Amino acid sequence: MGDNALYVDTDAVKANLPYMENLLSAVRQVVEILEHADSHYREFFGTEPTGRSMLAQYLAAGPSLVDGLGQYGELLDNVKTGIHTTAKGFEKVEDDTTAAAQKLHGRTGGGDTSPTHPAPHK
């Protein structure tokens, strides 16, 4: 590969999509747990003044935490989509470049290499 070459291993890029999906799933599970945890925390912190104070602190921060994690999940989903789109885009560029090279080869004496006229085997 020359100094100005660009190589993208689209299979390797796409191979990371399941990891992104697993992370996204884990974030969504945490959000789901936190959204429905208030009643359990009321029981956990108890009715003593210290417990009620701690519960109040949690309940004040809880919605922000859930909202932040929800936004993080959306971000991960967008990154996953972007990775997939980028890999598909590079594959298209590669296919288009290959097709152009085959057409150029056909013009320089290799014959017509369109899909209906494959290049001759040597």
C-alpha atoms as a PDB file:
ATOM      1  CA  MET A   1       0.000   0.000   0.000  1.00  0.00           C
ATOM      2  CA  GLY A   2       1.390   3.432  -0.915  1.00  0.00           C
ATOM      3  CA  ASP A   3       1.634   6.451   1.329  1.00  0.00           C
ATOM      4  CA  ASN A   4      -1.581   7.947  -0.075  1.00  0.00           C
ATOM      5  CA  ALA A   5      -3.610   4.742   0.052  1.00  0.00           C
ATOM      6  CA  LEU A   6      -6.705   4.270   2.159  1.00  0.00           C
ATOM      7  CA  TYR A   7      -7.733   0.824   3.273  1.00  0.00           C
ATOM      8  CA  VAL A   8     -10.844   0.098   5.324  1.00  0.00           C
ATOM      9  CA  ASP A   9     -11.570  -3.428   6.461  1.00  0.00           C
ATOM     10  CA  THR A  10     -15.350  -3.226   6.321  1.00  0.00           C
ATOM     11  CA  ASP A  11     -15.726  -6.758   7.693  1.00  0.00           C
ATOM     12  CA  ALA A  12     -13.750  -5.738  10.787  1.00  0.00           C
ATOM     13  CA  VAL A  13     -15.819  -2.573  11.140  1.00  0.00           C
ATOM     14  CA  LYS A  14     -19.071  -4.525  10.913  1.00  0.00           C
ATOM     15  CA  ALA A  15     -17.705  -7.178  13.297  1.00  0.00           C
ATOM     16  CA  ASN A  16     -17.861  -4.569  16.076  1.00  0.00           C
ATOM     17  CA  LEU A  17     -21.573  -3.935  15.664  1.00  0.00           C
ATOM     18  CA  PRO A  18     -22.599  -6.776  18.016  1.00  0.00           C
ATOM     19  CA  TYR A  19     -20.470  -5.214  20.788  1.00  0.00           C
ATOM     20  CA  MET A  20     -22.228  -1.900  20.285  1.00  0.00           C
ATOM     21  CA  GLU A  21     -25.581  -3.675  20.366  1.00  0.00           C
ATOM     22  CA  ASN A  22     -24.640  -5.436  23.637  1.00  0.00           C
ATOM     23  CA  LEU A  23     -23.601  -2.137  25.237  1.00  0.00           C
ATOM     24  CA  LEU A  24     -26.771  -0.470  24.040  1.00  0.00           C
ATOM     25  CA  SER A  25     -28.850  -3.330  25.450  1.00  0.00           C
ATOM     26  CA  ALA A  26     -27.099  -3.062  28.827  1.00  0.00           C
ATOM     27  CA  VAL A  27     -27.720   0.701  29.010  1.00  0.00           C
ATOM     28  CA  ARG A  28     -31.383   0.180  28.147  1.00  0.00           C
ATOM     29  CA  GLN A  29     -31.687  -2.456  30.894  1.00  0.00           C
ATOM     30  CA  VAL A  30     -30.173  -0.098  33.476  1.00  0.00           C
ATOM     31  CA  VAL A  31     -32.578   2.664  32.436  1.00  0.00           C
ATOM     32  CA  GLU A  32     -35.496   0.237  32.701  1.00  0.00           C
ATOM     33  CA  ILE A  33     -34.422  -0.845  36.193  1.00  0.00           C
ATOM     34  CA  LEU A  34     -33.926   2.720  37.387  1.00  0.00           C
ATOM     35  CA  GLU A  35     -37.259   3.880  35.990  1.00  0.00           C
ATOM     36  CA  HIS A  36     -39.083   1.307  38.092  1.00  0.00           C
ATOM     37  CA  ALA A  37     -36.851   1.250  41.170  1.00  0.00           C
ATOM     38  CA  ASP A  38     -38.408   4.028  43.254  1.00  0.00           C
ATOM     39  CA  SER A  39     -40.757   1.754  45.181  1.00  0.00           C
ATOM     40  CA  HIS A  40     -37.934  -0.666  46.008  1.00  0.00           C
ATOM     41  CA  TYR A  41     -35.707   2.153  47.212  1.00  0.00           C
ATOM     42  CA  ARG A  42     -38.423   3.508  49.483  1.00  0.00           C
ATOM     43  CA  GLU A  43     -38.430   0.149  51.221  1.00  0.00           C
ATOM     44  CA  PHE A  44     -34.614  -0.073  51.216  1.00  0.00           C
ATOM     45  CA  PHE A  45     -34.027   3.380  52.779  1.00  0.00           C
ATOM     46  CA  GLY A  46     -36.736   2.858  55.365  1.00  0.00           C
ATOM     47  CA  THR A  47     -38.741   5.380  57.368  1.00  0.00           C
ATOM     48  CA  GLU A  48     -36.004   6.686  59.678  1.00  0.00           C
ATOM     49  CA  PRO A  49     -35.018  10.350  59.166  1.00  0.00           C
ATOM     50  CA  THR A  50     -31.588   9.442  57.742  1.00  0.00           C
ATOM     51  CA  GLY A  51     -33.112   6.938  55.347  1.00  0.00           C
ATOM     52  CA  ARG A  52     -35.738   9.437  54.238  1.00  0.00           C
ATOM     53  CA  SER A  53     -33.030  12.041  53.692  1.00  0.00           C
ATOM     54  CA  MET A  54     -30.990   9.621  51.583  1.00  0.00           C
ATOM     55  CA  LEU A  55     -34.098   8.655  49.621  1.00  0.00           C
ATOM     56  CA  ALA A  56     -34.865  12.312  48.955  1.00  0.00           C
ATOM     57  CA  GLN A  57     -31.324  12.768  47.600  1.00  0.00           C
ATOM     58  CA  TYR A  58     -31.719   9.732  45.368  1.00  0.00           C
ATOM     59  CA  LEU A  59     -35.155  10.745  44.145  1.00  0.00           C
ATOM     60  CA  ALA A  60     -33.884  14.243  43.323  1.00  0.00           C
ATOM     61  CA  ALA A  61     -31.004  12.861  41.230  1.00  0.00           C
ATOM     62  CA  GLY A  62     -32.799   9.798  39.864  1.00  0.00           C
ATOM     63  CA  PRO A  63     -34.670  11.466  37.000  1.00  0.00           C
ATOM     64  CA  SER A  64     -31.473  13.211  35.844  1.00  0.00           C
ATOM     65  CA  LEU A  65     -29.600   9.924  35.928  1.00  0.00           C
ATOM     66  CA  VAL A  66     -32.332   8.123  34.010  1.00  0.00           C
ATOM     67  CA  ASP A  67     -32.545  10.960  31.479  1.00  0.00           C
ATOM     68  CA  GLY A  68     -28.753  11.031  31.034  1.00  0.00           C
ATOM     69  CA  LEU A  69     -28.536   7.284  30.547  1.00  0.00           C
ATOM     70  CA  GLY A  70     -31.443   7.418  28.117  1.00  0.00           C
ATOM     71  CA  GLN A  71     -29.600  10.058  26.085  1.00  0.00           C
ATOM     72  CA  TYR A  72     -26.440   7.946  26.230  1.00  0.00           C
ATOM     73  CA  GLY A  73     -28.443   5.009  24.859  1.00  0.00           C
ATOM     74  CA  GLU A  74     -29.686   7.185  21.990  1.00  0.00           C
ATOM     75  CA  LEU A  75     -26.100   8.261  21.295  1.00  0.00           C
ATOM     76  CA  LEU A  76     -24.935   4.636  21.212  1.00  0.00           C
ATOM     77  CA  ASP A  77     -27.770   3.768  18.858  1.00  0.00           C
ATOM     78  CA  ASN A  78     -26.725   6.605  16.540  1.00  0.00           C
ATOM     79  CA  VAL A  79     -23.068   5.505  16.684  1.00  0.00           C
ATOM     80  CA  LYS A  80     -24.092   1.937  15.846  1.00  0.00           C
ATOM     81  CA  THR A  81     -26.129   3.175  12.885  1.00  0.00           C
ATOM     82  CA  GLY A  82     -23.220   5.372  11.799  1.00  0.00           C
ATOM     83  CA  ILE A  83     -20.767   2.473  11.921  1.00  0.00           C
ATOM     84  CA  HIS A  84     -23.095   0.344   9.808  1.00  0.00           C
ATOM     85  CA  THR A  85     -23.697   3.170   7.323  1.00  0.00           C
ATOM     86  CA  THR A  86     -19.978   3.931   7.074  1.00  0.00           C
ATOM     87  CA  ALA A  87     -19.117   0.295   6.407  1.00  0.00           C
ATOM     88  CA  LYS A  88     -21.789   0.084   3.707  1.00  0.00           C
ATOM     89  CA  GLY A  89     -20.513   3.329   2.187  1.00  0.00           C
ATOM     90  CA  PHE A  90     -16.946   2.066   1.994  1.00  0.00           C
ATOM     91  CA  GLU A  91     -18.180  -1.178   0.441  1.00  0.00           C
ATOM     92  CA  LYS A  92     -20.027   0.835  -2.221  1.00  0.00           C
ATOM     93  CA  VAL A  93     -16.933   2.936  -2.934  1.00  0.00           C
ATOM     94  CA  GLU A  94     -14.898  -0.256  -3.254  1.00  0.00           C
ATOM     95  CA  ASP A  95     -17.470  -1.822  -5.587  1.00  0.00           C
ATOM     96  CA  ASP A  96     -17.692   1.337  -7.697  1.00  0.00           C
ATOM     97  CA  THR A  97     -13.898   1.590  -7.904  1.00  0.00           C
ATOM     98  CA  THR A  98     -13.624  -2.058  -8.910  1.00  0.00           C
ATOM     99  CA  ALA A  99     -16.269  -1.594 -11.592  1.00  0.00           C
ATOM    100  CA  ALA A 100     -14.496   1.519 -12.910  1.00  0.00           C
ATOM    101  CA  ALA A 101     -11.173  -0.316 -12.976  1.00  0.00           C
ATOM    102  CA  GLN A 102     -12.760  -3.213 -14.842  1.00  0.00           C
ATOM    103  CA  LYS A 103     -14.245  -0.833 -17.401  1.00  0.00           C
ATOM    104  CA  LEU A 104     -10.875   0.892 -17.773  1.00  0.00           C
ATOM    105  CA  HIS A 105      -9.222  -2.489 -18.210  1.00  0.00           C
ATOM    106  CA  GLY A 106     -11.789  -3.272 -20.899  1.00  0.00           C
ATOM    107  CA  ARG A 107     -10.876  -0.076 -22.756  1.00  0.00           C
ATOM    108  CA  THR A 108      -7.162  -0.859 -22.672  1.00  0.00           C
ATOM    109  CA  GLY A 109      -7.435  -4.175 -24.424  1.00  0.00           C
ATOM    110  CA  GLY A 110      -8.918  -6.469 -21.827  1.00  0.00           C
ATOM    111  CA  GLY A 111     -12.322  -6.598 -23.517  1.00  0.00           C
ATOM    112  CA  ASP A 112     -15.728  -5.591 -22.225  1.00  0.00           C
ATOM    113  CA  THR A 113     -15.956  -6.535 -18.533  1.00  0.00           C
ATOM    114  CA  SER A 114     -19.546  -5.494 -17.911  1.00  0.00           C
ATOM    115  CA  PRO A 115     -21.687  -7.991 -15.989  1.00  0.00           C
ATOM    116  CA  THR A 116     -22.989  -9.427 -19.272  1.00  0.00           C
ATOM    117  CA  HIS A 117     -19.452  -9.714 -20.723  1.00  0.00           C
ATOM    118  CA  PRO A 118     -17.111 -10.963 -17.991  1.00  0.00           C
ATOM    119  CA  ALA A 119     -13.390 -10.505 -18.393  1.00  0.00           C
ATOM    120  CA  PRO A 120     -11.693 -13.396 -20.245  1.00  0.00           C
ATOM    121  CA  HIS A 121      -9.782 -15.860 -18.052  1.00  0.00           C
ATOM    122  CA  LYS A 122      -6.073 -16.070 -18.709  1.00  0.00           C
END
